[in-house]
N, C-alpha and C. Protein backbone atom coordinates (compact mmCIF):
# COMPACT_ATOMS: atom_id res chain seq x y z
N ILE A 1 47.56 28.89 -98.11
CA ILE A 1 46.59 27.86 -97.75
C ILE A 1 45.49 27.88 -98.79
N SER A 2 45.24 26.74 -99.41
CA SER A 2 44.12 26.65 -100.34
C SER A 2 43.29 25.42 -99.99
N TYR A 3 42.01 25.51 -100.23
CA TYR A 3 41.12 24.41 -99.90
C TYR A 3 39.85 24.51 -100.75
N GLN A 4 39.22 23.36 -100.96
CA GLN A 4 37.95 23.31 -101.66
C GLN A 4 36.81 22.98 -100.70
N ASN A 5 37.11 22.14 -99.71
CA ASN A 5 36.10 21.79 -98.71
C ASN A 5 36.78 21.67 -97.35
N LEU A 6 35.97 21.51 -96.31
CA LEU A 6 36.51 21.48 -94.95
C LEU A 6 37.57 20.41 -94.74
N SER A 7 37.38 19.25 -95.33
CA SER A 7 38.34 18.16 -95.11
C SER A 7 39.73 18.50 -95.64
N ASP A 8 39.82 19.45 -96.57
CA ASP A 8 41.13 19.89 -97.08
C ASP A 8 41.94 20.62 -96.01
N LEU A 9 41.28 21.04 -94.93
CA LEU A 9 41.98 21.74 -93.85
C LEU A 9 42.56 20.78 -92.82
N ASP A 10 42.41 19.48 -93.07
CA ASP A 10 43.00 18.48 -92.19
C ASP A 10 44.51 18.66 -92.19
N GLY A 11 45.10 18.62 -91.02
CA GLY A 11 46.54 18.83 -90.91
C GLY A 11 46.90 20.21 -90.40
N TRP A 12 45.97 21.14 -90.47
CA TRP A 12 46.17 22.48 -89.92
C TRP A 12 45.56 22.52 -88.53
N THR A 13 46.16 23.24 -87.62
CA THR A 13 45.57 23.43 -86.30
C THR A 13 44.65 24.64 -86.38
N ILE A 14 43.38 24.39 -86.14
CA ILE A 14 42.35 25.42 -86.28
C ILE A 14 41.94 25.91 -84.90
N GLY A 15 41.84 27.20 -84.75
CA GLY A 15 41.33 27.80 -83.51
C GLY A 15 39.86 28.11 -83.69
N GLY A 16 39.02 27.52 -82.87
CA GLY A 16 37.58 27.75 -82.96
C GLY A 16 37.03 28.32 -81.66
N ILE A 17 35.76 28.65 -81.69
CA ILE A 17 35.07 29.19 -80.52
C ILE A 17 34.05 28.16 -80.05
N GLN A 18 34.10 27.82 -78.78
CA GLN A 18 33.17 26.84 -78.22
C GLN A 18 31.73 27.29 -78.44
N GLY A 19 30.90 26.36 -78.92
CA GLY A 19 29.48 26.63 -79.09
C GLY A 19 29.09 27.28 -80.40
N TYR A 20 30.04 27.65 -81.26
CA TYR A 20 29.69 28.27 -82.53
C TYR A 20 29.07 27.24 -83.46
N TYR A 21 28.30 27.73 -84.41
CA TYR A 21 27.53 26.85 -85.30
C TYR A 21 28.40 25.93 -86.15
N TYR A 22 29.66 26.25 -86.34
CA TYR A 22 30.52 25.41 -87.18
C TYR A 22 31.11 24.22 -86.44
N VAL A 23 30.95 24.14 -85.12
CA VAL A 23 31.54 23.05 -84.34
C VAL A 23 31.13 21.68 -84.88
N PRO A 24 29.83 21.40 -85.11
CA PRO A 24 29.45 20.08 -85.64
C PRO A 24 30.06 19.79 -87.02
N MET A 25 30.16 20.81 -87.86
CA MET A 25 30.74 20.62 -89.19
C MET A 25 32.22 20.26 -89.10
N PHE A 26 32.94 20.93 -88.22
CA PHE A 26 34.36 20.63 -88.03
C PHE A 26 34.55 19.23 -87.46
N THR A 27 33.70 18.87 -86.51
CA THR A 27 33.77 17.54 -85.91
C THR A 27 33.52 16.47 -86.96
N GLU A 28 32.49 16.67 -87.78
CA GLU A 28 32.15 15.71 -88.83
C GLU A 28 33.29 15.57 -89.85
N ALA A 29 33.98 16.67 -90.13
CA ALA A 29 35.09 16.64 -91.09
C ALA A 29 36.36 16.07 -90.47
N GLY A 30 36.35 15.81 -89.16
CA GLY A 30 37.51 15.23 -88.49
C GLY A 30 38.68 16.19 -88.33
N LEU A 31 38.38 17.48 -88.23
CA LEU A 31 39.44 18.48 -88.16
C LEU A 31 40.00 18.61 -86.74
N ASP A 32 41.26 18.99 -86.66
CA ASP A 32 41.93 19.25 -85.39
C ASP A 32 41.62 20.69 -84.99
N VAL A 33 40.65 20.85 -84.08
CA VAL A 33 40.23 22.18 -83.67
C VAL A 33 40.50 22.35 -82.18
N ASP A 34 41.11 23.46 -81.84
CA ASP A 34 41.39 23.81 -80.45
C ASP A 34 40.44 24.95 -80.10
N TYR A 35 39.45 24.66 -79.25
CA TYR A 35 38.41 25.63 -78.94
C TYR A 35 38.75 26.49 -77.73
N VAL A 36 38.40 27.77 -77.83
CA VAL A 36 38.54 28.72 -76.73
C VAL A 36 37.21 29.48 -76.61
N HIS A 37 37.20 30.52 -75.79
CA HIS A 37 35.96 31.24 -75.51
C HIS A 37 35.78 32.54 -76.29
N SER A 38 36.81 33.03 -76.97
CA SER A 38 36.65 34.31 -77.66
C SER A 38 37.49 34.38 -78.93
N GLU A 39 37.03 35.22 -79.85
CA GLU A 39 37.78 35.45 -81.09
C GLU A 39 39.09 36.16 -80.80
N GLU A 40 39.09 37.03 -79.79
CA GLU A 40 40.31 37.73 -79.41
C GLU A 40 41.40 36.74 -78.97
N GLN A 41 41.00 35.72 -78.22
CA GLN A 41 41.96 34.69 -77.82
C GLN A 41 42.57 34.02 -79.05
N ASN A 42 41.73 33.71 -80.03
CA ASN A 42 42.24 33.05 -81.24
C ASN A 42 43.18 33.94 -82.03
N ILE A 43 42.89 35.22 -82.11
CA ILE A 43 43.79 36.13 -82.83
C ILE A 43 45.15 36.16 -82.13
N LYS A 44 45.14 36.21 -80.81
CA LYS A 44 46.41 36.20 -80.06
C LYS A 44 47.15 34.89 -80.27
N ARG A 45 46.43 33.77 -80.25
CA ARG A 45 47.07 32.46 -80.45
C ARG A 45 47.60 32.32 -81.87
N LEU A 46 46.90 32.91 -82.82
CA LEU A 46 47.36 32.89 -84.21
C LEU A 46 48.69 33.63 -84.33
N GLN A 47 48.78 34.78 -83.70
CA GLN A 47 50.01 35.57 -83.76
C GLN A 47 51.17 34.84 -83.08
N LEU A 48 50.88 34.08 -82.03
CA LEU A 48 51.91 33.35 -81.30
C LEU A 48 52.30 32.03 -81.98
N GLY A 49 51.57 31.64 -83.03
CA GLY A 49 51.86 30.40 -83.73
C GLY A 49 51.29 29.17 -83.06
N ARG A 50 50.37 29.35 -82.13
CA ARG A 50 49.76 28.21 -81.44
C ARG A 50 48.67 27.56 -82.26
N ILE A 51 48.09 28.32 -83.19
CA ILE A 51 47.14 27.77 -84.16
C ILE A 51 47.58 28.26 -85.53
N ASP A 52 47.13 27.55 -86.56
CA ASP A 52 47.48 27.92 -87.93
C ASP A 52 46.47 28.87 -88.54
N ILE A 53 45.19 28.60 -88.29
CA ILE A 53 44.11 29.38 -88.88
C ILE A 53 42.95 29.49 -87.90
N THR A 54 42.09 30.48 -88.12
CA THR A 54 40.88 30.62 -87.32
C THR A 54 39.78 31.21 -88.19
N PRO A 55 38.57 30.66 -88.11
CA PRO A 55 37.47 31.19 -88.90
C PRO A 55 36.74 32.30 -88.14
N LEU A 56 36.51 33.41 -88.82
CA LEU A 56 35.70 34.48 -88.27
C LEU A 56 35.39 35.48 -89.37
N PRO A 57 34.34 36.29 -89.18
CA PRO A 57 34.04 37.29 -90.21
C PRO A 57 35.23 38.23 -90.40
N SER A 58 35.57 38.47 -91.63
CA SER A 58 36.76 39.27 -91.96
C SER A 58 36.77 40.64 -91.27
N PRO A 59 35.66 41.40 -91.27
CA PRO A 59 35.71 42.71 -90.61
C PRO A 59 36.02 42.61 -89.11
N ILE A 60 35.50 41.60 -88.46
CA ILE A 60 35.78 41.40 -87.04
C ILE A 60 37.24 41.02 -86.83
N GLY A 61 37.73 40.14 -87.68
CA GLY A 61 39.13 39.73 -87.58
C GLY A 61 40.08 40.91 -87.72
N TRP A 62 39.85 41.73 -88.74
CA TRP A 62 40.74 42.88 -88.95
C TRP A 62 40.58 43.92 -87.85
N TYR A 63 39.37 44.09 -87.33
CA TYR A 63 39.18 45.01 -86.21
C TYR A 63 40.03 44.55 -85.01
N LEU A 64 39.93 43.26 -84.68
CA LEU A 64 40.68 42.73 -83.53
C LEU A 64 42.19 42.81 -83.74
N ILE A 65 42.63 42.47 -84.94
CA ILE A 65 44.06 42.52 -85.25
C ILE A 65 44.59 43.94 -85.07
N ASN A 66 43.86 44.91 -85.61
CA ASN A 66 44.31 46.30 -85.51
C ASN A 66 44.19 46.85 -84.09
N LYS A 67 43.27 46.31 -83.32
CA LYS A 67 43.11 46.72 -81.91
C LYS A 67 44.23 46.13 -81.04
N LEU A 68 44.60 44.89 -81.31
CA LEU A 68 45.53 44.18 -80.45
C LEU A 68 47.00 44.40 -80.77
N PHE A 69 47.31 44.72 -82.02
CA PHE A 69 48.70 44.75 -82.44
C PHE A 69 49.07 46.05 -83.14
N PRO A 70 50.33 46.45 -83.02
CA PRO A 70 50.80 47.62 -83.78
C PRO A 70 50.85 47.27 -85.27
N PRO A 71 50.88 48.29 -86.13
CA PRO A 71 50.86 48.05 -87.58
C PRO A 71 51.92 47.09 -88.08
N ASP A 72 53.12 47.12 -87.51
CA ASP A 72 54.18 46.23 -88.00
C ASP A 72 53.89 44.77 -87.71
N VAL A 73 53.06 44.48 -86.71
CA VAL A 73 52.63 43.11 -86.42
C VAL A 73 51.36 42.79 -87.20
N ALA A 74 50.43 43.74 -87.28
CA ALA A 74 49.16 43.53 -87.97
C ALA A 74 49.36 43.18 -89.45
N LYS A 75 50.42 43.68 -90.05
CA LYS A 75 50.65 43.39 -91.47
C LYS A 75 51.01 41.93 -91.72
N ASN A 76 51.27 41.19 -90.66
CA ASN A 76 51.64 39.78 -90.81
C ASN A 76 50.46 38.83 -90.84
N PHE A 77 49.25 39.36 -90.87
CA PHE A 77 48.05 38.54 -90.96
C PHE A 77 47.46 38.66 -92.36
N TYR A 78 46.67 37.68 -92.73
CA TYR A 78 45.95 37.77 -94.00
C TYR A 78 44.66 36.97 -93.93
N THR A 79 43.77 37.28 -94.84
CA THR A 79 42.49 36.60 -94.94
C THR A 79 42.51 35.76 -96.21
N LEU A 80 42.12 34.51 -96.10
CA LEU A 80 41.98 33.69 -97.30
C LEU A 80 40.80 34.22 -98.11
N GLU A 81 40.95 34.26 -99.41
CA GLU A 81 39.91 34.85 -100.26
C GLU A 81 38.62 34.05 -100.26
N LYS A 82 38.73 32.74 -100.27
CA LYS A 82 37.54 31.89 -100.33
C LYS A 82 36.88 31.83 -98.95
N PRO A 83 35.59 32.17 -98.86
CA PRO A 83 34.90 32.04 -97.56
C PRO A 83 34.90 30.59 -97.10
N LEU A 84 34.99 30.39 -95.81
CA LEU A 84 34.96 29.05 -95.26
C LEU A 84 33.62 28.39 -95.53
N LEU A 85 32.57 29.15 -95.37
CA LEU A 85 31.22 28.66 -95.62
C LEU A 85 30.54 29.63 -96.57
N SER A 86 30.02 29.12 -97.68
CA SER A 86 29.44 30.01 -98.68
C SER A 86 28.18 30.70 -98.19
N GLU A 87 27.46 30.09 -97.24
CA GLU A 87 26.22 30.70 -96.76
C GLU A 87 26.45 31.75 -95.68
N ALA A 88 27.68 31.96 -95.27
CA ALA A 88 28.00 32.95 -94.24
C ALA A 88 29.25 33.70 -94.67
N SER A 89 29.39 34.90 -94.17
CA SER A 89 30.60 35.66 -94.52
C SER A 89 31.70 35.32 -93.53
N LEU A 90 31.97 34.04 -93.42
CA LEU A 90 32.98 33.54 -92.50
C LEU A 90 34.24 33.23 -93.30
N HIS A 91 35.30 33.96 -93.03
CA HIS A 91 36.57 33.76 -93.72
C HIS A 91 37.59 33.15 -92.76
N VAL A 92 38.68 32.74 -93.31
CA VAL A 92 39.76 32.18 -92.50
C VAL A 92 40.88 33.20 -92.41
N MET A 93 41.33 33.46 -91.19
CA MET A 93 42.44 34.37 -90.95
C MET A 93 43.68 33.52 -90.69
N ALA A 94 44.82 33.99 -91.13
CA ALA A 94 46.07 33.27 -90.90
C ALA A 94 47.19 34.28 -90.70
N SER A 95 48.25 33.82 -90.07
CA SER A 95 49.43 34.65 -89.89
C SER A 95 50.42 34.36 -91.02
N LYS A 96 50.99 35.38 -91.59
CA LYS A 96 51.99 35.20 -92.64
C LYS A 96 53.27 34.57 -92.09
N ASN A 97 53.45 34.65 -90.78
CA ASN A 97 54.65 34.10 -90.16
C ASN A 97 54.56 32.63 -89.85
N TYR A 98 53.38 32.04 -89.99
CA TYR A 98 53.22 30.64 -89.58
C TYR A 98 52.31 29.93 -90.54
N PRO A 99 52.61 28.80 -91.00
CA PRO A 99 53.85 28.07 -90.79
C PRO A 99 54.92 28.52 -91.74
């Protein structure tokens, strides 16, 4: 997955968190975002293939992945190198198995 701006993520199903500061930006960009109440829910949905990507701080994402899944499953996730927002350490997590 590569992108230069938010609108480049159009076509991907994004898992977001209700009430987070990025909600208005995603809405303005016209992105398909499926909101839930926790980052843990999004990590589980990512592993199940229900969403394509989810934005969250990389250390939190990896903590949750390693907490929720055994190593053979955890190795199937990755972080996109480019931060989603340059003013925050918000990265995009994705599953290597999907799509």
